[in-house]
Amino acid sequence: MHHFFSMMFSLLAIFGPVSVTSAESRSERSVDRPSRSQLTVTNGMLWGTWRGRHMCPAGTYAAGFSVKVERPGGDDTALNGISIYCVDRSRIVKSTQSSGIGKWGKWTSMVQWCPSGYLTSFQLRVESSQGDGDDTAANNIKFKCTGGDVIEELGTGWGNWGNYGEWSPKCEGTGICGIQTRIEEPQGFLDDTALNDVRMFCCD
């Protein structure tokens, strides 16, 4: 019933030799960093608008991610935000990057990490339009790593509506280095969906 109803995260579960620099460096970003390719999927929903592109600082690439998800109950929105963790070649975290973020839900306390290498493609779990039912749009995301490992956030216990679509193309270049999300603003008494779609950017 979409139009029917009127930065600090825990890094304790890091896999591999990843360390964190100062809070100031974690907020650093390179908005104008050139990308080599853009990754998209075909099953994203169309509500809302595309927010700003946020890029990892030069010389860093995304090797982990966390998500913001709303617990079921009432007007569900499921996935509200995605944050990518940018590391240098020594696996030191230099920044975390998010594009638009919905207002509902909580961030997962654990970061999902590639065992080695960087994020290179993604797959989005989306619930199709429910007509007069409760729309949630995007529900979860998976990433594939340089070595072929697949990582997904499974610990929330919700965000399980809909189905995964096809994988995005694989990065041209070293790995994912930026993110852009499509977010629907709160609709008041109408149905809310929050995060609808995502694009990833790859760098040399």
Foldseek 3Di string as FASTA:
>chain_A
DQFQFLDDAAAPPPQDDEAEDDPVQQADWDLPDDFDDKWFDDQFDDAFAKFGKTFHPPQWAFFKKKWFAADDDDQHQATFWMKTFIAHPVNYTRYIDTTGGADHGGIDRYIWGDNDFHFWKKKWFAADDPVNDRHHATHWMWTAGPVGDITTDDPPVDSPDGGIDDMIDTGDARHWTIKMWGAHHDSNRGHHHGTGTMMTTHHD
